[in-house]
Amino acid sequence: MIDEKVFLILRIILFFVATPFVYKALQALDFSKLFLNNSSSQIRLLLIVLSFIMGYLFIDVIVSLFEHLNGLAL
């Protein structure tokens, strides 16, 4: 059985690895239709906030799955 601290460290490391990939994926969406003209800084802020949120959720699902599988291996 793997220690809980390992999953915590894995969650932190993978969060910082996954967040830039989520940011790149979100850049493919066209948010300019939702905002007024000349609001690129607001769109950029939205992308950054969404990438942190979605990166955390993505990694939380993966690490929680591994934690659950680790608990089944008793």
C-alpha atoms as a PDB file:
ATOM      1  CA  MET A   1       0.000   0.000   0.000  1.00  0.00           C
ATOM      2  CA  ILE A   2       1.386   3.390  -1.018  1.00  0.00           C
ATOM      3  CA  ASP A   3       1.617   6.193   1.541  1.00  0.00           C
ATOM      4  CA  GLU A   4      -0.807   9.146   1.324  1.00  0.00           C
ATOM      5  CA  LYS A   5       2.093  11.624   1.071  1.00  0.00           C
ATOM      6  CA  VAL A   6       3.121  10.120  -2.247  1.00  0.00           C
ATOM      7  CA  PHE A   7      -0.284  10.903  -3.729  1.00  0.00           C
ATOM      8  CA  LEU A   8      -0.126  14.458  -2.378  1.00  0.00           C
ATOM      9  CA  ILE A   9       3.292  15.063  -3.946  1.00  0.00           C
ATOM     10  CA  LEU A  10       2.121  13.441  -7.190  1.00  0.00           C
ATOM     11  CA  ARG A  11      -0.946  15.681  -7.235  1.00  0.00           C
ATOM     12  CA  ILE A  12       1.158  18.835  -6.849  1.00  0.00           C
ATOM     13  CA  ILE A  13       3.741  17.852  -9.460  1.00  0.00           C
ATOM     14  CA  LEU A  14       1.169  16.741 -12.019  1.00  0.00           C
ATOM     15  CA  PHE A  15      -0.850  19.921 -11.484  1.00  0.00           C
ATOM     16  CA  PHE A  16       2.093  22.052 -12.580  1.00  0.00           C
ATOM     17  CA  VAL A  17       2.765  19.717 -15.504  1.00  0.00           C
ATOM     18  CA  ALA A  18      -0.844  19.568 -16.738  1.00  0.00           C
ATOM     19  CA  THR A  19      -1.776  23.239 -16.387  1.00  0.00           C
ATOM     20  CA  PRO A  20       0.261  24.486 -19.415  1.00  0.00           C
ATOM     21  CA  PHE A  21      -1.271  21.747 -21.572  1.00  0.00           C
ATOM     22  CA  VAL A  22      -4.767  22.763 -20.493  1.00  0.00           C
ATOM     23  CA  TYR A  23      -3.871  26.401 -21.223  1.00  0.00           C
ATOM     24  CA  LYS A  24      -2.759  25.464 -24.748  1.00  0.00           C
ATOM     25  CA  ALA A  25      -5.954  23.469 -25.277  1.00  0.00           C
ATOM     26  CA  LEU A  26      -8.101  26.388 -24.117  1.00  0.00           C
ATOM     27  CA  GLN A  27      -6.345  28.702 -26.566  1.00  0.00           C
ATOM     28  CA  ALA A  28      -7.973  26.736 -29.370  1.00  0.00           C
ATOM     29  CA  LEU A  29     -11.375  28.075 -28.271  1.00  0.00           C
ATOM     30  CA  ASP A  30     -12.564  31.427 -29.589  1.00  0.00           C
ATOM     31  CA  PHE A  31     -13.481  33.538 -26.569  1.00  0.00           C
ATOM     32  CA  SER A  32     -13.470  36.782 -28.552  1.00  0.00           C
ATOM     33  CA  LYS A  33     -17.133  36.251 -29.443  1.00  0.00           C
ATOM     34  CA  LEU A  34     -18.057  36.413 -25.748  1.00  0.00           C
ATOM     35  CA  PHE A  35     -16.187  39.660 -24.996  1.00  0.00           C
ATOM     36  CA  LEU A  36     -16.213  43.184 -26.324  1.00  0.00           C
ATOM     37  CA  ASN A  37     -13.580  44.394 -28.788  1.00  0.00           C
ATOM     38  CA  ASN A  38     -10.102  45.199 -27.415  1.00  0.00           C
ATOM     39  CA  SER A  39     -10.519  43.005 -24.339  1.00  0.00           C
ATOM     40  CA  SER A  40      -7.580  40.695 -24.909  1.00  0.00           C
ATOM     41  CA  SER A  41      -6.271  41.111 -21.346  1.00  0.00           C
ATOM     42  CA  GLN A  42      -9.619  39.960 -19.956  1.00  0.00           C
ATOM     43  CA  ILE A  43      -9.633  36.946 -22.259  1.00  0.00           C
ATOM     44  CA  ARG A  44      -6.074  36.128 -21.207  1.00  0.00           C
ATOM     45  CA  LEU A  45      -7.046  36.341 -17.526  1.00  0.00           C
ATOM     46  CA  LEU A  46     -10.026  34.081 -18.149  1.00  0.00           C
ATOM     47  CA  LEU A  47      -7.796  31.540 -19.893  1.00  0.00           C
ATOM     48  CA  ILE A  48      -5.325  31.536 -17.011  1.00  0.00           C
ATOM     49  CA  VAL A  49      -8.022  31.100 -14.364  1.00  0.00           C
ATOM     50  CA  LEU A  50      -9.805  28.392 -16.355  1.00  0.00           C
ATOM     51  CA  SER A  51      -6.557  26.543 -17.007  1.00  0.00           C
ATOM     52  CA  PHE A  52      -5.756  26.437 -13.280  1.00  0.00           C
ATOM     53  CA  ILE A  53      -9.252  25.213 -12.431  1.00  0.00           C
ATOM     54  CA  MET A  54      -9.427  22.621 -15.190  1.00  0.00           C
ATOM     55  CA  GLY A  55      -5.847  21.492 -14.567  1.00  0.00           C
ATOM     56  CA  TYR A  56      -6.655  20.889 -10.908  1.00  0.00           C
ATOM     57  CA  LEU A  57      -9.862  19.006 -11.732  1.00  0.00           C
ATOM     58  CA  PHE A  58      -8.135  16.877 -14.373  1.00  0.00           C
ATOM     59  CA  ILE A  59      -5.294  15.878 -12.057  1.00  0.00           C
ATOM     60  CA  ASP A  60      -7.658  15.364  -9.128  1.00  0.00           C
ATOM     61  CA  VAL A  61      -9.629  12.812 -11.136  1.00  0.00           C
ATOM     62  CA  ILE A  62      -6.501  10.917 -12.161  1.00  0.00           C
ATOM     63  CA  VAL A  63      -4.863  10.874  -8.717  1.00  0.00           C
ATOM     64  CA  SER A  64      -8.167  10.002  -7.012  1.00  0.00           C
ATOM     65  CA  LEU A  65      -8.482   7.039  -9.352  1.00  0.00           C
ATOM     66  CA  PHE A  66      -5.005   5.875  -8.381  1.00  0.00           C
ATOM     67  CA  GLU A  67      -5.822   6.373  -4.686  1.00  0.00           C
ATOM     68  CA  HIS A  68      -8.958   4.301  -5.088  1.00  0.00           C
ATOM     69  CA  LEU A  69      -7.089   1.556  -6.911  1.00  0.00           C
ATOM     70  CA  ASN A  70      -4.456   1.629  -4.173  1.00  0.00           C
ATOM     71  CA  GLY A  71      -7.188   1.141  -1.567  1.00  0.00           C
ATOM     72  CA  LEU A  72      -8.554  -1.873  -3.429  1.00  0.00           C
ATOM     73  CA  ALA A  73      -5.189  -3.624  -3.351  1.00  0.00           C
ATOM     74  CA  LEU A  74      -5.471  -4.575   0.305  1.00  0.00           C
END
